[in-house]
PDB file of N, CA and C in Angstrom:
ATOM      1  N   MET A   1     -18.644  10.866  10.234  1.00  0.00           N
ATOM      2  CA  MET A   1     -17.533  11.763  10.666  1.00  0.00           C
ATOM      3  C   MET A   1     -16.975  11.370  12.032  1.00  0.00           C
ATOM      4  N   LYS A   2     -17.818  10.906  12.907  1.00  0.00           N
ATOM      5  CA  LYS A   2     -17.413  10.511  14.381  1.00  0.00           C
ATOM      6  C   LYS A   2     -16.450   9.313  14.038  1.00  0.00           C
ATOM      7  N   TRP A   3     -16.765   8.537  13.197  1.00  0.00           N
ATOM      8  CA  TRP A   3     -15.874   7.238  13.303  1.00  0.00           C
ATOM      9  C   TRP A   3     -14.603   7.620  12.598  1.00  0.00           C
ATOM     10  N   GLN A   4     -14.547   8.755  11.735  1.00  0.00           N
ATOM     11  CA  GLN A   4     -13.243   9.158  11.400  1.00  0.00           C
ATOM     12  C   GLN A   4     -12.254   9.621  12.481  1.00  0.00           C
ATOM     13  N   TRP A   5     -12.848  10.554  13.277  1.00  0.00           N
ATOM     14  CA  TRP A   5     -12.187  10.903  14.705  1.00  0.00           C
ATOM     15  C   TRP A   5     -11.683   9.762  15.407  1.00  0.00           C
ATOM     16  N   ILE A   6     -12.664   8.931  15.700  1.00  0.00           N
ATOM     17  CA  ILE A   6     -12.358   7.736  16.436  1.00  0.00           C
ATOM     18  C   ILE A   6     -11.185   6.877  15.825  1.00  0.00           C
ATOM     19  N   GLY A   7     -11.265   6.718  14.473  1.00  0.00           N
ATOM     20  CA  GLY A   7     -10.143   5.896  13.811  1.00  0.00           C
ATOM     21  C   GLY A   7      -8.873   6.651  14.151  1.00  0.00           C
ATOM     22  N   LEU A   8      -8.725   7.965  13.738  1.00  0.00           N
ATOM     23  CA  LEU A   8      -7.681   8.772  13.845  1.00  0.00           C
ATOM     24  C   LEU A   8      -7.103   8.689  15.207  1.00  0.00           C
ATOM     25  N   VAL A   9      -7.808   9.028  16.282  1.00  0.00           N
ATOM     26  CA  VAL A   9      -7.441   9.002  17.749  1.00  0.00           C
ATOM     27  C   VAL A   9      -6.881   7.514  17.970  1.00  0.00           C
ATOM     28  N   LEU A  10      -7.478   6.365  17.609  1.00  0.00           N
ATOM     29  CA  LEU A  10      -7.018   5.112  17.894  1.00  0.00           C
ATOM     30  C   LEU A  10      -5.759   4.702  17.221  1.00  0.00           C
ATOM     31  N   PHE A  11      -5.615   5.238  15.923  1.00  0.00           N
ATOM     32  CA  PHE A  11      -4.370   5.181  15.219  1.00  0.00           C
ATOM     33  C   PHE A  11      -3.226   5.809  16.070  1.00  0.00           C
ATOM     34  N   SER A  12      -3.602   7.107  16.365  1.00  0.00           N
ATOM     35  CA  SER A  12      -2.582   7.948  16.924  1.00  0.00           C
ATOM     36  C   SER A  12      -2.111   7.311  18.442  1.00  0.00           C
ATOM     37  N   LEU A  13      -2.973   6.734  19.047  1.00  0.00           N
ATOM     38  CA  LEU A  13      -2.563   6.205  20.394  1.00  0.00           C
ATOM     39  C   LEU A  13      -2.043   4.796  20.404  1.00  0.00           C
ATOM     40  N   THR A  14      -2.079   4.221  19.282  1.00  0.00           N
ATOM     41  CA  THR A  14      -1.497   2.763  19.262  1.00  0.00           C
ATOM     42  C   THR A  14      -0.359   2.605  18.170  1.00  0.00           C
ATOM     43  N   LEU A  15      -0.626   3.026  17.014  1.00  0.00           N
ATOM     44  CA  LEU A  15       0.369   2.704  15.960  1.00  0.00           C
ATOM     45  C   LEU A  15       1.585   3.780  16.082  1.00  0.00           C
ATOM     46  N   LEU A  16       1.327   4.995  16.357  1.00  0.00           N
ATOM     47  CA  LEU A  16       2.324   6.022  16.389  1.00  0.00           C
ATOM     48  C   LEU A  16       3.402   5.735  17.282  1.00  0.00           C
ATOM     49  N   PRO A  17       2.927   5.567  18.561  1.00  0.00           N
ATOM     50  CA  PRO A  17       4.040   5.262  19.611  1.00  0.00           C
ATOM     51  C   PRO A  17       4.778   3.953  19.287  1.00  0.00           C
ATOM     52  N   ALA A  18       4.215   3.014  18.768  1.00  0.00           N
ATOM     53  CA  ALA A  18       4.705   1.662  18.615  1.00  0.00           C
ATOM     54  C   ALA A  18       5.802   1.900  17.288  1.00  0.00           C
ATOM     55  N   GLY A  19       5.442   2.669  16.257  1.00  0.00           N
ATOM     56  CA  GLY A  19       6.273   2.820  15.142  1.00  0.00           C
ATOM     57  C   GLY A  19       7.455   3.730  15.633  1.00  0.00           C
ATOM     58  N   LEU A  20       7.123   4.794  16.312  1.00  0.00           N
ATOM     59  CA  LEU A  20       8.262   5.589  16.754  1.00  0.00           C
ATOM     60  C   LEU A  20       9.239   4.847  17.573  1.00  0.00           C
ATOM     61  N   ALA A  21       8.780   3.922  18.540  1.00  0.00           N
ATOM     62  CA  ALA A  21       9.724   3.109  19.530  1.00  0.00           C
ATOM     63  C   ALA A  21      10.588   2.184  18.553  1.00  0.00           C
ATOM     64  N   MET A  22       9.796   1.545  17.539  1.00  0.00           N
ATOM     65  CA  MET A  22      10.621   0.524  16.694  1.00  0.00           C
ATOM     66  C   MET A  22      11.607   1.270  15.916  1.00  0.00           C
ATOM     67  N   ALA A  23      11.270   2.450  15.240  1.00  0.00           N
ATOM     68  CA  ALA A  23      12.040   3.102  14.418  1.00  0.00           C
ATOM     69  C   ALA A  23      13.281   3.680  15.124  1.00  0.00           C
ATOM     70  N   ALA A  24      13.179   3.985  16.497  1.00  0.00           N
ATOM     71  CA  ALA A  24      14.214   4.461  17.356  1.00  0.00           C
ATOM     72  C   ALA A  24      15.115   3.207  17.798  1.00  0.00           C
ATOM     73  N   ASP A  25      14.660   2.044  17.351  1.00  0.00           N
ATOM     74  CA  ASP A  25      15.353   0.677  17.985  1.00  0.00           C
ATOM     75  C   ASP A  25      15.104   0.534  19.341  1.00  0.00           C
ATOM     76  N   ARG A  26      13.956   0.781  20.087  1.00  0.00           N
ATOM     77  CA  ARG A  26      13.720   0.623  21.490  1.00  0.00           C
ATOM     78  C   ARG A  26      12.537  -0.238  21.545  1.00  0.00           C
ATOM     79  N   VAL A  27      12.873  -1.575  21.613  1.00  0.00           N
ATOM     80  CA  VAL A  27      11.742  -2.551  21.846  1.00  0.00           C
ATOM     81  C   VAL A  27      12.374  -3.488  22.931  1.00  0.00           C
ATOM     82  N   PRO A  28      11.260  -4.144  23.861  1.00  0.00           N
ATOM     83  CA  PRO A  28      11.895  -5.035  24.643  1.00  0.00           C
ATOM     84  C   PRO A  28      12.601  -6.353  24.137  1.00  0.00           C
ATOM     85  N   ARG A  29      13.441  -6.634  24.927  1.00  0.00           N
ATOM     86  CA  ARG A  29      14.386  -7.772  24.602  1.00  0.00           C
ATOM     87  C   ARG A  29      13.619  -9.197  23.947  1.00  0.00           C
ATOM     88  N   ARG A  30      12.402  -9.430  24.778  1.00  0.00           N
ATOM     89  CA  ARG A  30      11.747 -10.607  24.366  1.00  0.00           C
ATOM     90  C   ARG A  30      11.088 -10.184  23.142  1.00  0.00           C
ATOM     91  N   LEU A  31      10.934  -9.266  22.519  1.00  0.00           N
ATOM     92  CA  LEU A  31      10.263  -8.799  21.301  1.00  0.00           C
ATOM     93  C   LEU A  31      11.275  -8.777  20.232  1.00  0.00           C
ATOM     94  N   ARG A  32      12.572  -8.631  20.449  1.00  0.00           N
ATOM     95  CA  ARG A  32      13.418  -8.137  19.591  1.00  0.00           C
ATOM     96  C   ARG A  32      13.705  -9.274  18.441  1.00  0.00           C
ATOM     97  N   ALA A  33      13.806 -10.462  18.950  1.00  0.00           N
ATOM     98  CA  ALA A  33      14.089 -11.648  18.041  1.00  0.00           C
ATOM     99  C   ALA A  33      12.926 -11.822  16.969  1.00  0.00           C
ATOM    100  N   ARG A  34      11.746 -11.664  17.480  1.00  0.00           N
ATOM    101  CA  ARG A  34      10.606 -11.666  16.620  1.00  0.00           C
ATOM    102  C   ARG A  34      10.443 -10.672  15.644  1.00  0.00           C
ATOM    103  N   LEU A  35      10.842  -9.277  15.936  1.00  0.00           N
ATOM    104  CA  LEU A  35      10.713  -8.332  15.126  1.00  0.00           C
ATOM    105  C   LEU A  35      11.815  -7.822  14.408  1.00  0.00           C
ATOM    106  N   ALA A  36      12.905  -8.562  14.187  1.00  0.00           N
ATOM    107  CA  ALA A  36      14.085  -8.291  13.763  1.00  0.00           C
ATOM    108  C   ALA A  36      13.737  -8.201  12.067  1.00  0.00           C
ATOM    109  N   PRO A  37      14.373  -7.388  11.503  1.00  0.00           N
ATOM    110  CA  PRO A  37      15.124  -6.104  11.931  1.00  0.00           C
ATOM    111  C   PRO A  37      14.009  -5.002  12.327  1.00  0.00           C
ATOM    112  N   VAL A  38      14.456  -4.483  13.428  1.00  0.00           N
ATOM    113  CA  VAL A  38      13.188  -3.693  14.105  1.00  0.00           C
ATOM    114  C   VAL A  38      13.116  -2.402  13.486  1.00  0.00           C
ATOM    115  N   ARG A  39      14.055  -1.644  12.980  1.00  0.00           N
ATOM    116  CA  ARG A  39      13.912  -0.273  12.466  1.00  0.00           C
ATOM    117  C   ARG A  39      13.212  -0.428  11.103  1.00  0.00           C
ATOM    118  N   LEU A  40      13.341  -1.277  10.184  1.00  0.00           N
ATOM    119  CA  LEU A  40      12.603  -1.335   8.912  1.00  0.00           C
ATOM    120  C   LEU A  40      11.116  -1.547   9.396  1.00  0.00           C
ATOM    121  N   ARG A  41      10.845  -2.397  10.382  1.00  0.00           N
ATOM    122  CA  ARG A  41       9.343  -2.630  10.742  1.00  0.00           C
ATOM    123  C   ARG A  41       8.860  -1.515  11.223  1.00  0.00           C
ATOM    124  N   GLY A  42       9.723  -0.589  12.015  1.00  0.00           N
ATOM    125  CA  GLY A  42       9.184   0.724  12.549  1.00  0.00           C
ATOM    126  C   GLY A  42       8.763   1.717  11.604  1.00  0.00           C
ATOM    127  N   TRP A  43       9.690   1.897  10.571  1.00  0.00           N
ATOM    128  CA  TRP A  43       9.462   2.745   9.527  1.00  0.00           C
ATOM    129  C   TRP A  43       8.230   2.422   8.700  1.00  0.00           C
ATOM    130  N   SER A  44       7.951   1.044   8.705  1.00  0.00           N
ATOM    131  CA  SER A  44       6.837   0.462   7.992  1.00  0.00           C
ATOM    132  C   SER A  44       5.590   0.893   8.666  1.00  0.00           C
ATOM    133  N   ALA A  45       5.489   0.709  10.014  1.00  0.00           N
ATOM    134  CA  ALA A  45       4.454   1.123  10.905  1.00  0.00           C
ATOM    135  C   ALA A  45       4.132   2.594  10.739  1.00  0.00           C
ATOM    136  N   LEU A  46       5.197   3.439  10.620  1.00  0.00           N
ATOM    137  CA  LEU A  46       5.044   4.809  10.614  1.00  0.00           C
ATOM    138  C   LEU A  46       4.403   5.395   9.149  1.00  0.00           C
ATOM    139  N   LEU A  47       4.748   4.691   8.359  1.00  0.00           N
ATOM    140  CA  LEU A  47       4.141   4.709   6.848  1.00  0.00           C
ATOM    141  C   LEU A  47       2.676   4.497   6.927  1.00  0.00           C
ATOM    142  N   ILE A  48       2.438   3.258   7.434  1.00  0.00           N
ATOM    143  CA  ILE A  48       1.030   3.086   7.542  1.00  0.00           C
ATOM    144  C   ILE A  48       0.240   3.855   8.518  1.00  0.00           C
ATOM    145  N   TYR A  49       0.775   4.449   9.457  1.00  0.00           N
ATOM    146  CA  TYR A  49       0.153   5.370  10.312  1.00  0.00           C
ATOM    147  C   TYR A  49      -0.036   6.616   9.410  1.00  0.00           C
ATOM    148  N   SER A  50       0.800   6.997   8.637  1.00  0.00           N
ATOM    149  CA  SER A  50       0.619   8.354   7.986  1.00  0.00           C
ATOM    150  C   SER A  50      -0.399   8.397   7.028  1.00  0.00           C
ATOM    151  N   VAL A  51      -0.943   7.131   6.578  1.00  0.00           N
ATOM    152  CA  VAL A  51      -2.047   6.905   5.678  1.00  0.00           C
ATOM    153  C   VAL A  51      -3.332   7.532   6.493  1.00  0.00           C
ATOM    154  N   ALA A  52      -3.437   7.248   7.672  1.00  0.00           N
ATOM    155  CA  ALA A  52      -4.648   7.613   8.538  1.00  0.00           C
ATOM    156  C   ALA A  52      -4.862   9.092   8.484  1.00  0.00           C
ATOM    157  N   PRO A  53      -3.963   9.737   8.953  1.00  0.00           N
ATOM    158  CA  PRO A  53      -4.336  11.291   8.913  1.00  0.00           C
ATOM    159  C   PRO A  53      -4.322  11.917   7.423  1.00  0.00           C
ATOM    160  N   LEU A  54      -3.477  11.299   6.656  1.00  0.00           N
ATOM    161  CA  LEU A  54      -3.520  11.844   5.287  1.00  0.00           C
ATOM    162  C   LEU A  54      -5.024  11.588   4.604  1.00  0.00           C
ATOM    163  N   ASN A  55      -5.656  10.466   4.933  1.00  0.00           N
ATOM    164  CA  ASN A  55      -6.994  10.429   4.414  1.00  0.00           C
ATOM    165  C   ASN A  55      -8.124  11.083   5.346  1.00  0.00           C
ATOM    166  N   THR A  56      -7.862  11.247   6.374  1.00  0.00           N
ATOM    167  CA  THR A  56      -8.949  11.771   7.350  1.00  0.00           C
ATOM    168  C   THR A  56      -9.000  13.108   7.453  1.00  0.00           C
ATOM    169  N   VAL A  57      -8.001  13.884   7.564  1.00  0.00           N
ATOM    170  CA  VAL A  57      -7.890  15.278   8.021  1.00  0.00           C
ATOM    171  C   VAL A  57      -8.433  16.067   6.665  1.00  0.00           C
ATOM    172  N   PRO A  58      -8.241  15.853   5.532  1.00  0.00           N
ATOM    173  CA  PRO A  58      -8.924  16.479   4.432  1.00  0.00           C
ATOM    174  C   PRO A  58     -10.495  16.413   4.539  1.00  0.00           C
ATOM    175  N   ARG A  59     -10.953  15.157   4.742  1.00  0.00           N
ATOM    176  CA  ARG A  59     -12.383  14.872   4.892  1.00  0.00           C
ATOM    177  C   ARG A  59     -12.973  15.569   5.952  1.00  0.00           C
ATOM    178  N   LEU A  60     -12.179  15.600   7.183  1.00  0.00           N
ATOM    179  CA  LEU A  60     -12.880  16.270   8.272  1.00  0.00           C
ATOM    180  C   LEU A  60     -12.797  17.847   8.161  1.00  0.00           C
ATOM    181  N   ALA A  61     -11.926  18.388   7.290  1.00  0.00           N
ATOM    182  CA  ALA A  61     -11.819  19.661   6.890  1.00  0.00           C
ATOM    183  C   ALA A  61     -12.895  20.212   5.763  1.00  0.00           C
ATOM    184  N   ASP A  62     -13.636  19.143   5.249  1.00  0.00           N
ATOM    185  CA  ASP A  62     -14.457  19.540   4.112  1.00  0.00           C
ATOM    186  C   ASP A  62     -13.606  19.905   2.878  1.00  0.00           C
ATOM    187  N   ALA A  63     -12.520  19.432   2.649  1.00  0.00           N
ATOM    188  CA  ALA A  63     -11.869  19.779   1.535  1.00  0.00           C
ATOM    189  C   ALA A  63     -12.462  19.485   0.283  1.00  0.00           C
ATOM    190  N   SER A  64     -11.956  20.094  -0.813  1.00  0.00           N
ATOM    191  CA  SER A  64     -12.576  19.598  -2.210  1.00  0.00           C
ATOM    192  C   SER A  64     -12.447  18.193  -2.680  1.00  0.00           C
ATOM    193  N   PRO A  65     -13.324  17.693  -3.502  1.00  0.00           N
ATOM    194  CA  PRO A  65     -13.100  16.341  -4.040  1.00  0.00           C
ATOM    195  C   PRO A  65     -11.765  16.068  -4.485  1.00  0.00           C
ATOM    196  N   ASN A  66     -11.034  17.119  -5.367  1.00  0.00           N
ATOM    197  CA  ASN A  66      -9.772  16.888  -5.852  1.00  0.00           C
ATOM    198  C   ASN A  66      -8.804  16.684  -4.829  1.00  0.00           C
ATOM    199  N   LEU A  67      -8.900  17.547  -3.895  1.00  0.00           N
ATOM    200  CA  LEU A  67      -7.916  17.343  -2.713  1.00  0.00           C
ATOM    201  C   LEU A  67      -7.785  15.944  -2.051  1.00  0.00           C
ATOM    202  N   ASN A  68      -9.226  15.626  -1.878  1.00  0.00           N
ATOM    203  CA  ASN A  68      -9.525  14.259  -1.106  1.00  0.00           C
ATOM    204  C   ASN A  68      -8.841  13.173  -1.949  1.00  0.00           C
ATOM    205  N   LEU A  69      -9.201  13.307  -3.230  1.00  0.00           N
ATOM    206  CA  LEU A  69      -8.626  12.235  -4.237  1.00  0.00           C
ATOM    207  C   LEU A  69      -7.065  12.328  -4.335  1.00  0.00           C
ATOM    208  N   ALA A  70      -6.406  13.437  -4.256  1.00  0.00           N
ATOM    209  CA  ALA A  70      -5.005  13.516  -4.198  1.00  0.00           C
ATOM    210  C   ALA A  70      -4.535  12.885  -2.891  1.00  0.00           C
ATOM    211  N   CYS A  71      -5.085  13.133  -1.799  1.00  0.00           N
ATOM    212  CA  CYS A  71      -4.674  12.621  -0.596  1.00  0.00           C
ATOM    213  C   CYS A  71      -4.688  11.307  -0.487  1.00  0.00           C
ATOM    214  N   THR A  72      -5.710  10.782  -1.123  1.00  0.00           N
ATOM    215  CA  THR A  72      -6.192   9.258  -1.099  1.00  0.00           C
ATOM    216  C   THR A  72      -5.043   8.554  -1.993  1.00  0.00           C
ATOM    217  N   ALA A  73      -4.619   9.180  -3.108  1.00  0.00           N
ATOM    218  CA  ALA A  73      -3.672   8.521  -3.848  1.00  0.00           C
ATOM    219  C   ALA A  73      -2.341   8.520  -3.307  1.00  0.00           C
ATOM    220  N   ALA A  74      -2.125   9.552  -2.606  1.00  0.00           N
ATOM    221  CA  ALA A  74      -0.815   9.783  -1.749  1.00  0.00           C
ATOM    222  C   ALA A  74      -0.845   8.646  -0.575  1.00  0.00           C
ATOM    223  N   GLY A  75      -1.846   8.381  -0.168  1.00  0.00           N
ATOM    224  CA  GLY A  75      -2.109   7.512   0.924  1.00  0.00           C
ATOM    225  C   GLY A  75      -1.772   5.920   0.359  1.00  0.00           C
ATOM    226  N   VAL A  76      -2.320   5.688  -0.821  1.00  0.00           N
ATOM    227  CA  VAL A  76      -2.110   4.550  -1.472  1.00  0.00           C
ATOM    228  C   VAL A  76      -0.654   4.247  -1.741  1.00  0.00           C
ATOM    229  N   ILE A  77       0.153   5.263  -2.307  1.00  0.00           N
ATOM    230  CA  ILE A  77       1.629   5.134  -2.414  1.00  0.00           C
ATOM    231  C   ILE A  77       2.395   4.900  -1.095  1.00  0.00           C
ATOM    232  N   LEU A  78       2.064   5.526   0.077  1.00  0.00           N
ATOM    233  CA  LEU A  78       2.494   5.321   1.284  1.00  0.00           C
ATOM    234  C   LEU A  78       2.244   3.962   1.642  1.00  0.00           C
ATOM    235  N   ALA A  79       1.160   3.196   1.425  1.00  0.00           N
ATOM    236  CA  ALA A  79       0.793   2.054   2.002  1.00  0.00           C
ATOM    237  C   ALA A  79       1.666   0.972   1.037  1.00  0.00           C
ATOM    238  N   ILE A  80       1.759   1.215  -0.150  1.00  0.00           N
ATOM    239  CA  ILE A  80       2.588   0.328  -1.123  1.00  0.00           C
ATOM    240  C   ILE A  80       3.996   0.446  -0.417  1.00  0.00           C
ATOM    241  N   ALA A  81       4.578   1.523  -0.284  1.00  0.00           N
ATOM    242  CA  ALA A  81       5.897   1.668   0.294  1.00  0.00           C
ATOM    243  C   ALA A  81       6.031   1.038   1.545  1.00  0.00           C
ATOM    244  N   SER A  82       4.968   0.967   2.588  1.00  0.00           N
ATOM    245  CA  SER A  82       4.979   0.249   3.791  1.00  0.00           C
ATOM    246  C   SER A  82       5.140  -1.186   3.292  1.00  0.00           C
ATOM    247  N   SER A  83       4.348  -1.673   2.407  1.00  0.00           N
ATOM    248  CA  SER A  83       4.241  -3.237   2.176  1.00  0.00           C
ATOM    249  C   SER A  83       5.680  -3.451   1.516  1.00  0.00           C
ATOM    250  N   LEU A  84       6.348  -2.654   0.809  1.00  0.00           N
ATOM    251  CA  LEU A  84       7.652  -3.030   0.536  1.00  0.00           C
ATOM    252  C   LEU A  84       8.630  -3.052   1.375  1.00  0.00           C
ATOM    253  N   LEU A  85       8.391  -2.340   2.574  1.00  0.00           N
ATOM    254  CA  LEU A  85       9.355  -2.138   3.644  1.00  0.00           C
ATOM    255  C   LEU A  85       9.144  -3.574   4.451  1.00  0.00           C
ATOM    256  N   VAL A  86       7.845  -4.013   4.595  1.00  0.00           N
ATOM    257  CA  VAL A  86       7.643  -5.261   5.309  1.00  0.00           C
ATOM    258  C   VAL A  86       8.298  -6.380   4.615  1.00  0.00           C
ATOM    259  N   CYS A  87       8.137  -6.460   3.266  1.00  0.00           N
ATOM    260  CA  CYS A  87       8.728  -7.577   2.456  1.00  0.00           C
ATOM    261  C   CYS A  87      10.261  -7.283   2.589  1.00  0.00           C
ATOM    262  N   LEU A  88      10.880  -6.239   2.556  1.00  0.00           N
ATOM    263  CA  LEU A  88      12.391  -6.184   2.952  1.00  0.00           C
ATOM    264  C   LEU A  88      12.649  -6.678   4.113  1.00  0.00           C
ATOM    265  N   ALA A  89      11.933  -6.255   5.257  1.00  0.00           N
ATOM    266  CA  ALA A  89      12.248  -6.719   6.481  1.00  0.00           C
ATOM    267  C   ALA A  89      12.158  -8.335   6.610  1.00  0.00           C
ATOM    268  N   ALA A  90      11.174  -8.776   6.092  1.00  0.00           N
ATOM    269  CA  ALA A  90      10.934 -10.282   6.177  1.00  0.00           C
ATOM    270  C   ALA A  90      12.228 -10.959   5.425  1.00  0.00           C
ATOM    271  N   THR A  91      12.572 -10.509   4.245  1.00  0.00           N
ATOM    272  CA  THR A  91      13.727 -10.925   3.478  1.00  0.00           C
ATOM    273  C   THR A  91      14.985 -10.857   4.448  1.00  0.00           C
ATOM    274  N   GLU A  92      15.140  -9.751   5.002  1.00  0.00           N
ATOM    275  CA  GLU A  92      16.335  -9.490   5.857  1.00  0.00           C
ATOM    276  C   GLU A  92      16.334 -10.380   7.032  1.00  0.00           C
ATOM    277  N   SER A  93      15.255 -10.753   7.811  1.00  0.00           N
ATOM    278  CA  SER A  93      15.273 -11.611   8.866  1.00  0.00           C
ATOM    279  C   SER A  93      15.554 -12.956   8.414  1.00  0.00           C
ATOM    280  N   ARG A  94      14.992 -13.460   7.354  1.00  0.00           N
ATOM    281  CA  ARG A  94      15.133 -14.708   6.796  1.00  0.00           C
ATOM    282  C   ARG A  94      16.713 -15.003   6.248  1.00  0.00           C
ATOM    283  N   ARG A  95      17.345 -13.848   5.988  1.00  0.00           N
ATOM    284  CA  ARG A  95      18.497 -13.951   5.521  1.00  0.00           C
ATOM    285  C   ARG A  95      19.488 -14.041   6.723  1.00  0.00           C
ATOM    286  N   ARG A  96      19.167 -13.495   7.726  1.00  0.00           N
ATOM    287  CA  ARG A  96      20.044 -13.373   9.079  1.00  0.00           C
ATOM    288  C   ARG A  96      19.872 -14.565   9.710  1.00  0.00           C
ATOM    289  N   ARG A  97      18.676 -15.301   9.719  1.00  0.00           N
ATOM    290  CA  ARG A  97      18.519 -16.521  10.558  1.00  0.00           C
ATOM    291  C   ARG A  97      19.353 -17.625   9.963  1.00  0.00           C
ATOM    292  N   PRO A  98      19.946 -18.206  11.083  1.00  0.00           N
ATOM    293  CA  PRO A  98      20.701 -19.483  10.494  1.00  0.00           C
ATOM    294  C   PRO A  98      19.751 -20.669  10.088  1.00  0.00           C
ATOM    295  N   ARG A  99      20.237 -21.363   9.185  1.00  0.00           N
ATOM    296  CA  ARG A  99      19.369 -22.505   8.628  1.00  0.00           C
ATOM    297  C   ARG A  99      19.554 -23.673   9.672  1.00  0.00           C
ATOM    298  N   SER A 100      18.528 -24.349   9.880  1.00  0.00           N
ATOM    299  CA  SER A 100      18.618 -25.384  10.797  1.00  0.00           C
ATOM    300  C   SER A 100      18.734 -26.735   9.969  1.00  0.00           C
ATOM    301  N   THR A 101      19.689 -27.506  10.166  1.00  0.00           N
ATOM    302  CA  THR A 101      19.793 -28.761   9.398  1.00  0.00           C
ATOM    303  C   THR A 101      19.098 -29.932  10.055  1.00  0.00           C
ATOM    304  N   GLY A 102      18.380 -30.559   9.320  1.00  0.00           N
ATOM    305  CA  GLY A 102      17.288 -31.769   9.883  1.00  0.00           C
ATOM    306  C   GLY A 102      17.593 -32.913   9.458  1.00  0.00           C
TER     307      GLY A 102
END
């Protein structure tokens, strides 16, 4: 149980602020070119973050096994949605980048 609290705090201190900043389109200029499109990647980070509390909080509250299973299934759906957003962001950045002639 101690590791679940540690993981939840760690995700809350790292991934949540980064995802919120990216979703609000507030990133340093030096990272903007590498992270473009910023908002899609920010929403993806927030979806990945949402999996952590969704899986951790019911376990910490000693919820029923059915509720734990339902929350885990919802977490899987959110993780898949996040993966789709990352793929969409990669496609978008590839489409925006000018092709180099060699």
